[in-house]
PDB file of N, CA and C in Angstrom:
ATOM      1  N   UNK A   1     158.488-127.739 200.575  1.00  0.00           N
ATOM      2  CA  UNK A   1     157.859-126.441 200.745  1.00  0.00           C
ATOM      3  C   UNK A   1     156.746-126.235 199.718  1.00  0.00           C
ATOM      4  N   UNK A   2     156.965-126.756 198.495  1.00  0.00           N
ATOM      5  CA  UNK A   2     155.962-126.574 197.453  1.00  0.00           C
ATOM      6  C   UNK A   2     154.662-127.289 197.799  1.00  0.00           C
ATOM      7  N   UNK A   3     154.781-128.458 198.420  1.00  0.00           N
ATOM      8  CA  UNK A   3     153.576-129.200 198.786  1.00  0.00           C
ATOM      9  C   UNK A   3     152.782-128.460 199.851  1.00  0.00           C
ATOM     10  N   UNK A   4     153.490-127.853 200.785  1.00  0.00           N
ATOM     11  CA  UNK A   4     152.817-127.087 201.842  1.00  0.00           C
ATOM     12  C   UNK A   4     152.084-125.891 201.241  1.00  0.00           C
ATOM     13  N   UNK A   5     152.735-125.207 200.304  1.00  0.00           N
ATOM     14  CA  UNK A   5     152.110-124.054 199.657  1.00  0.00           C
ATOM     15  C   UNK A   5     150.865-124.492 198.891  1.00  0.00           C
ATOM     16  N   UNK A   6     150.952-125.616 198.190  1.00  0.00           N
ATOM     17  CA  UNK A   6     149.795-126.110 197.444  1.00  0.00           C
ATOM     18  C   UNK A   6     148.642-126.489 198.368  1.00  0.00           C
ATOM     19  N   UNK A   7     148.951-127.158 199.465  1.00  0.00           N
ATOM     20  CA  UNK A   7     147.902-127.552 200.414  1.00  0.00           C
ATOM     21  C   UNK A   7     147.239-126.316 201.012  1.00  0.00           C
ATOM     22  N   UNK A   8     148.042-125.345 201.410  1.00  0.00           N
ATOM     23  CA  UNK A   8     147.478-124.117 201.971  1.00  0.00           C
ATOM     24  C   UNK A   8     146.660-123.352 200.930  1.00  0.00           C
ATOM     25  N   UNK A   9     147.107-123.380 199.685  1.00  0.00           N
ATOM     26  CA  UNK A   9     146.351-122.732 198.612  1.00  0.00           C
ATOM     27  C   UNK A   9     144.998-123.382 198.393  1.00  0.00           C
ATOM     28  N   UNK A  10     144.975-124.705 198.413  1.00  0.00           N
ATOM     29  CA  UNK A  10     143.707-125.425 198.259  1.00  0.00           C
ATOM     30  C   UNK A  10     142.778-125.117 199.427  1.00  0.00           C
ATOM     31  N   UNK A  11     143.324-125.071 200.631  1.00  0.00           N
ATOM     32  CA  UNK A  11     142.508-124.732 201.799  1.00  0.00           C
ATOM     33  C   UNK A  11     141.960-123.304 201.707  1.00  0.00           C
ATOM     34  N   UNK A  12     142.771-122.379 201.219  1.00  0.00           N
ATOM     35  CA  UNK A  12     142.316-120.995 201.081  1.00  0.00           C
ATOM     36  C   UNK A  12     141.204-120.890 200.037  1.00  0.00           C
ATOM     37  N   UNK A  13     141.349-121.609 198.935  1.00  0.00           N
ATOM     38  CA  UNK A  13     140.306-121.600 197.905  1.00  0.00           C
ATOM     39  C   UNK A  13     139.030-122.243 198.438  1.00  0.00           C
ATOM     40  N   UNK A  14     139.178-123.314 199.212  1.00  0.00           N
ATOM     41  CA  UNK A  14     138.006-123.953 199.820  1.00  0.00           C
ATOM     42  C   UNK A  14     137.315-122.989 200.780  1.00  0.00           C
ATOM     43  N   UNK A  15     138.082-122.209 201.519  1.00  0.00           N
ATOM     44  CA  UNK A  15     137.515-121.204 202.420  1.00  0.00           C
ATOM     45  C   UNK A  15     136.722-120.161 201.640  1.00  0.00           C
ATOM     46  N   UNK A  16     137.259-119.727 200.515  1.00  0.00           N
ATOM     47  CA  UNK A  16     136.565-118.741 199.686  1.00  0.00           C
ATOM     48  C   UNK A  16     135.245-119.311 199.177  1.00  0.00           C
ATOM     49  N   UNK A  17     135.287-120.528 198.646  1.00  0.00           N
ATOM     50  CA  UNK A  17     134.077-121.151 198.108  1.00  0.00           C
ATOM     51  C   UNK A  17     133.042-121.351 199.213  1.00  0.00           C
ATOM     52  N   UNK A  18     133.476-121.841 200.358  1.00  0.00           N
ATOM     53  CA  UNK A  18     132.564-122.055 201.480  1.00  0.00           C
ATOM     54  C   UNK A  18     131.867-120.756 201.874  1.00  0.00           C
ATOM     55  N   UNK A  19     132.639-119.686 201.973  1.00  0.00           N
ATOM     56  CA  UNK A  19     132.061-118.409 202.389  1.00  0.00           C
ATOM     57  C   UNK A  19     131.196-117.773 201.304  1.00  0.00           C
ATOM     58  N   UNK A  20     131.477-118.062 200.041  1.00  0.00           N
ATOM     59  CA  UNK A  20     130.630-117.534 198.975  1.00  0.00           C
ATOM     60  C   UNK A  20     129.206-118.067 199.084  1.00  0.00           C
ATOM     61  N   UNK A  21     129.061-119.292 199.558  1.00  0.00           N
ATOM     62  CA  UNK A  21     127.731-119.872 199.712  1.00  0.00           C
ATOM     63  C   UNK A  21     126.961-119.254 200.880  1.00  0.00           C
ATOM     64  N   UNK A  22     127.640-118.572 201.772  1.00  0.00           N
ATOM     65  CA  UNK A  22     126.981-117.986 202.936  1.00  0.00           C
ATOM     66  C   UNK A  22     126.656-116.500 202.772  1.00  0.00           C
ATOM     67  N   UNK A  23     126.960-115.943 201.619  1.00  0.00           N
ATOM     68  CA  UNK A  23     126.677-114.528 201.383  1.00  0.00           C
ATOM     69  C   UNK A  23     125.253-114.388 200.848  1.00  0.00           C
ATOM     70  N   UNK A  24     124.491-113.511 201.485  1.00  0.00           N
ATOM     71  CA  UNK A  24     123.163-113.153 200.988  1.00  0.00           C
ATOM     72  C   UNK A  24     123.362-111.962 200.054  1.00  0.00           C
ATOM     73  N   UNK A  25     123.307-112.205 198.741  1.00  0.00           N
ATOM     74  CA  UNK A  25     123.655-111.170 197.780  1.00  0.00           C
ATOM     75  C   UNK A  25     122.622-110.045 197.704  1.00  0.00           C
ATOM     76  N   UNK A  26     121.446-110.237 198.281  1.00  0.00           N
ATOM     77  CA  UNK A  26     120.469-109.148 198.310  1.00  0.00           C
ATOM     78  C   UNK A  26     120.840-108.102 199.365  1.00  0.00           C
ATOM     79  N   UNK A  27     121.552-108.533 200.408  1.00  0.00           N
ATOM     80  CA  UNK A  27     121.998-107.608 201.456  1.00  0.00           C
ATOM     81  C   UNK A  27     123.324-108.116 202.033  1.00  0.00           C
ATOM     82  N   UNK A  28     124.432-107.921 201.296  1.00  0.00           N
ATOM     83  CA  UNK A  28     125.698-108.550 201.695  1.00  0.00           C
ATOM     84  C   UNK A  28     126.401-107.925 202.898  1.00  0.00           C
ATOM     85  N   UNK A  29     125.965-106.750 203.345  1.00  0.00           N
ATOM     86  CA  UNK A  29     126.675-106.079 204.432  1.00  0.00           C
ATOM     87  C   UNK A  29     125.935-106.152 205.765  1.00  0.00           C
ATOM     88  N   UNK A  30     125.082-107.150 205.931  1.00  0.00           N
ATOM     89  CA  UNK A  30     124.338-107.310 207.170  1.00  0.00           C
ATOM     90  C   UNK A  30     124.533-108.711 207.730  1.00  0.00           C
ATOM     91  N   UNK A  31     124.766-108.801 209.019  1.00  0.00           N
ATOM     92  CA  UNK A  31     124.803-110.077 209.727  1.00  0.00           C
ATOM     93  C   UNK A  31     125.870-111.046 209.253  1.00  0.00           C
ATOM     94  N   UNK A  32     125.438-112.288 209.025  1.00  0.00           N
ATOM     95  CA  UNK A  32     126.371-113.350 208.645  1.00  0.00           C
ATOM     96  C   UNK A  32     126.979-113.127 207.265  1.00  0.00           C
ATOM     97  N   UNK A  33     126.274-112.384 206.408  1.00  0.00           N
ATOM     98  CA  UNK A  33     126.822-112.106 205.081  1.00  0.00           C
ATOM     99  C   UNK A  33     128.093-111.278 205.183  1.00  0.00           C
ATOM    100  N   UNK A  34     128.119-110.370 206.125  1.00  0.00           N
ATOM    101  CA  UNK A  34     129.313-109.539 206.309  1.00  0.00           C
ATOM    102  C   UNK A  34     130.493-110.393 206.776  1.00  0.00           C
ATOM    103  N   UNK A  35     130.221-111.320 207.670  1.00  0.00           N
ATOM    104  CA  UNK A  35     131.270-112.229 208.147  1.00  0.00           C
ATOM    105  C   UNK A  35     131.781-113.074 206.987  1.00  0.00           C
ATOM    106  N   UNK A  36     130.875-113.523 206.126  1.00  0.00           N
ATOM    107  CA  UNK A  36     131.280-114.315 204.968  1.00  0.00           C
ATOM    108  C   UNK A  36     132.111-113.475 203.999  1.00  0.00           C
ATOM    109  N   UNK A  37     131.755-112.207 203.828  1.00  0.00           N
ATOM    110  CA  UNK A  37     132.553-111.326 202.968  1.00  0.00           C
ATOM    111  C   UNK A  37     133.967-111.157 203.508  1.00  0.00           C
ATOM    112  N   UNK A  38     134.078-111.019 204.809  1.00  0.00           N
ATOM    113  CA  UNK A  38     135.405-110.919 205.432  1.00  0.00           C
ATOM    114  C   UNK A  38     136.175-112.214 205.203  1.00  0.00           C
ATOM    115  N   UNK A  39     135.504-113.348 205.311  1.00  0.00           N
ATOM    116  CA  UNK A  39     136.145-114.640 205.065  1.00  0.00           C
ATOM    117  C   UNK A  39     136.613-114.791 203.632  1.00  0.00           C
ATOM    118  N   UNK A  40     135.801-114.331 202.683  1.00  0.00           N
ATOM    119  CA  UNK A  40     136.195-114.381 201.268  1.00  0.00           C
ATOM    120  C   UNK A  40     137.414-113.502 201.038  1.00  0.00           C
ATOM    121  N   UNK A  41     137.391-112.310 201.606  1.00  0.00           N
ATOM    122  CA  UNK A  41     138.524-111.387 201.453  1.00  0.00           C
ATOM    123  C   UNK A  41     139.796-111.977 202.060  1.00  0.00           C
ATOM    124  N   UNK A  42     139.672-112.573 203.227  1.00  0.00           N
ATOM    125  CA  UNK A  42     140.839-113.185 203.874  1.00  0.00           C
ATOM    126  C   UNK A  42     141.371-114.351 203.048  1.00  0.00           C
ATOM    127  N   UNK A  43     140.480-115.154 202.504  1.00  0.00           N
ATOM    128  CA  UNK A  43     140.907-116.277 201.675  1.00  0.00           C
ATOM    129  C   UNK A  43     141.614-115.820 200.410  1.00  0.00           C
ATOM    130  N   UNK A  44     141.088-114.779 199.778  1.00  0.00           N
ATOM    131  CA  UNK A  44     141.731-114.257 198.572  1.00  0.00           C
ATOM    132  C   UNK A  44     143.092-113.641 198.887  1.00  0.00           C
ATOM    133  N   UNK A  45     143.207-112.980 200.026  1.00  0.00           N
ATOM    134  CA  UNK A  45     144.508-112.445 200.450  1.00  0.00           C
ATOM    135  C   UNK A  45     145.507-113.575 200.674  1.00  0.00           C
ATOM    136  N   UNK A  46     145.038-114.655 201.269  1.00  0.00           N
ATOM    137  CA  UNK A  46     145.915-115.806 201.498  1.00  0.00           C
ATOM    138  C   UNK A  46     146.388-116.396 200.178  1.00  0.00           C
ATOM    139  N   UNK A  47     145.494-116.476 199.192  1.00  0.00           N
ATOM    140  CA  UNK A  47     145.877-117.008 197.879  1.00  0.00           C
ATOM    141  C   UNK A  47     146.937-116.117 197.241  1.00  0.00           C
ATOM    142  N   UNK A  48     146.756-114.811 197.318  1.00  0.00           N
ATOM    143  CA  UNK A  48     147.730-113.879 196.741  1.00  0.00           C
ATOM    144  C   UNK A  48     149.079-114.008 197.441  1.00  0.00           C
ATOM    145  N   UNK A  49     149.076-114.080 198.762  1.00  0.00           N
ATOM    146  CA  UNK A  49     150.335-114.214 199.503  1.00  0.00           C
ATOM    147  C   UNK A  49     151.036-115.531 199.188  1.00  0.00           C
ATOM    148  N   UNK A  50     150.277-116.600 199.044  1.00  0.00           N
ATOM    149  CA  UNK A  50     150.882-117.887 198.695  1.00  0.00           C
ATOM    150  C   UNK A  50     151.443-117.864 197.276  1.00  0.00           C
ATOM    151  N   UNK A  51     150.770-117.172 196.373  1.00  0.00           N
ATOM    152  CA  UNK A  51     151.295-117.039 195.012  1.00  0.00           C
ATOM    153  C   UNK A  51     152.603-116.258 195.019  1.00  0.00           C
ATOM    154  N   UNK A  52     152.666-115.202 195.826  1.00  0.00           N
ATOM    155  CA  UNK A  52     153.912-114.441 195.944  1.00  0.00           C
ATOM    156  C   UNK A  52     155.035-115.297 196.526  1.00  0.00           C
ATOM    157  N   UNK A  53     154.712-116.102 197.517  1.00  0.00           N
ATOM    158  CA  UNK A  53     155.710-116.997 198.104  1.00  0.00           C
ATOM    159  C   UNK A  53     156.196-118.011 197.078  1.00  0.00           C
ATOM    160  N   UNK A  54     155.277-118.538 196.277  1.00  0.00           N
ATOM    161  CA  UNK A  54     155.627-119.509 195.229  1.00  0.00           C
ATOM    162  C   UNK A  54     156.610-118.882 194.232  1.00  0.00           C
ATOM    163  N   UNK A  55     156.314-117.653 193.785  1.00  0.00           N
ATOM    164  CA  UNK A  55     157.185-116.965 192.829  1.00  0.00           C
ATOM    165  C   UNK A  55     158.532-116.653 193.469  1.00  0.00           C
ATOM    166  N   UNK A  56     158.540-116.240 194.721  1.00  0.00           N
ATOM    167  CA  UNK A  56     159.796-115.938 195.408  1.00  0.00           C
ATOM    168  C   UNK A  56     160.674-117.179 195.518  1.00  0.00           C
ATOM    169  N   UNK A  57     160.058-118.326 195.781  1.00  0.00           N
ATOM    170  CA  UNK A  57     160.830-119.574 195.862  1.00  0.00           C
ATOM    171  C   UNK A  57     161.418-119.937 194.504  1.00  0.00           C
ATOM    172  N   UNK A  58     160.659-119.728 193.427  1.00  0.00           N
ATOM    173  CA  UNK A  58     161.179-120.011 192.085  1.00  0.00           C
ATOM    174  C   UNK A  58     162.358-119.100 191.754  1.00  0.00           C
ATOM    175  N   UNK A  59     162.249-117.830 192.114  1.00  0.00           N
ATOM    176  CA  UNK A  59     163.345-116.895 191.864  1.00  0.00           C
ATOM    177  C   UNK A  59     164.570-117.294 192.673  1.00  0.00           C
ATOM    178  N   UNK A  60     164.363-117.696 193.919  1.00  0.00           N
ATOM    179  CA  UNK A  60     165.475-118.114 194.767  1.00  0.00           C
ATOM    180  C   UNK A  60     166.164-119.351 194.188  1.00  0.00           C
ATOM    181  N   UNK A  61     165.394-120.287 193.647  1.00  0.00           N
ATOM    182  CA  UNK A  61     165.987-121.478 193.032  1.00  0.00           C
ATOM    183  C   UNK A  61     166.839-121.107 191.826  1.00  0.00           C
ATOM    184  N   UNK A  62     166.362-120.169 191.009  1.00  0.00           N
ATOM    185  CA  UNK A  62     167.119-119.763 189.822  1.00  0.00           C
ATOM    186  C   UNK A  62     168.400-119.032 190.201  1.00  0.00           C
ATOM    187  N   UNK A  63     168.346-118.235 191.263  1.00  0.00           N
ATOM    188  CA  UNK A  63     169.538-117.506 191.699  1.00  0.00           C
ATOM    189  C   UNK A  63     170.579-118.480 192.247  1.00  0.00           C
ATOM    190  N   UNK A  64     170.139-119.492 192.965  1.00  0.00           N
ATOM    191  CA  UNK A  64     171.065-120.448 193.575  1.00  0.00           C
ATOM    192  C   UNK A  64     171.721-121.378 192.562  1.00  0.00           C
ATOM    193  N   UNK A  65     171.172-121.478 191.380  1.00  0.00           N
ATOM    194  CA  UNK A  65     171.787-122.342 190.358  1.00  0.00           C
ATOM    195  C   UNK A  65     172.950-121.697 189.768  1.00  0.00           C
TER     196      UNK A  65
END
């Protein structure tokens, strides 16, 4: 499970980086820049959720011991 979480985390970070390159910072809320902002937000949400899952798994392991 840890390997899957790590792979998904790397993919989410790659998504964030990819979308950061597509943002036009002079006008970020127009056209493709807006889509890239949504992609960055989604990627960051995925990273946060995966971090929560990672911590929950660690807590579950400690409880089961």
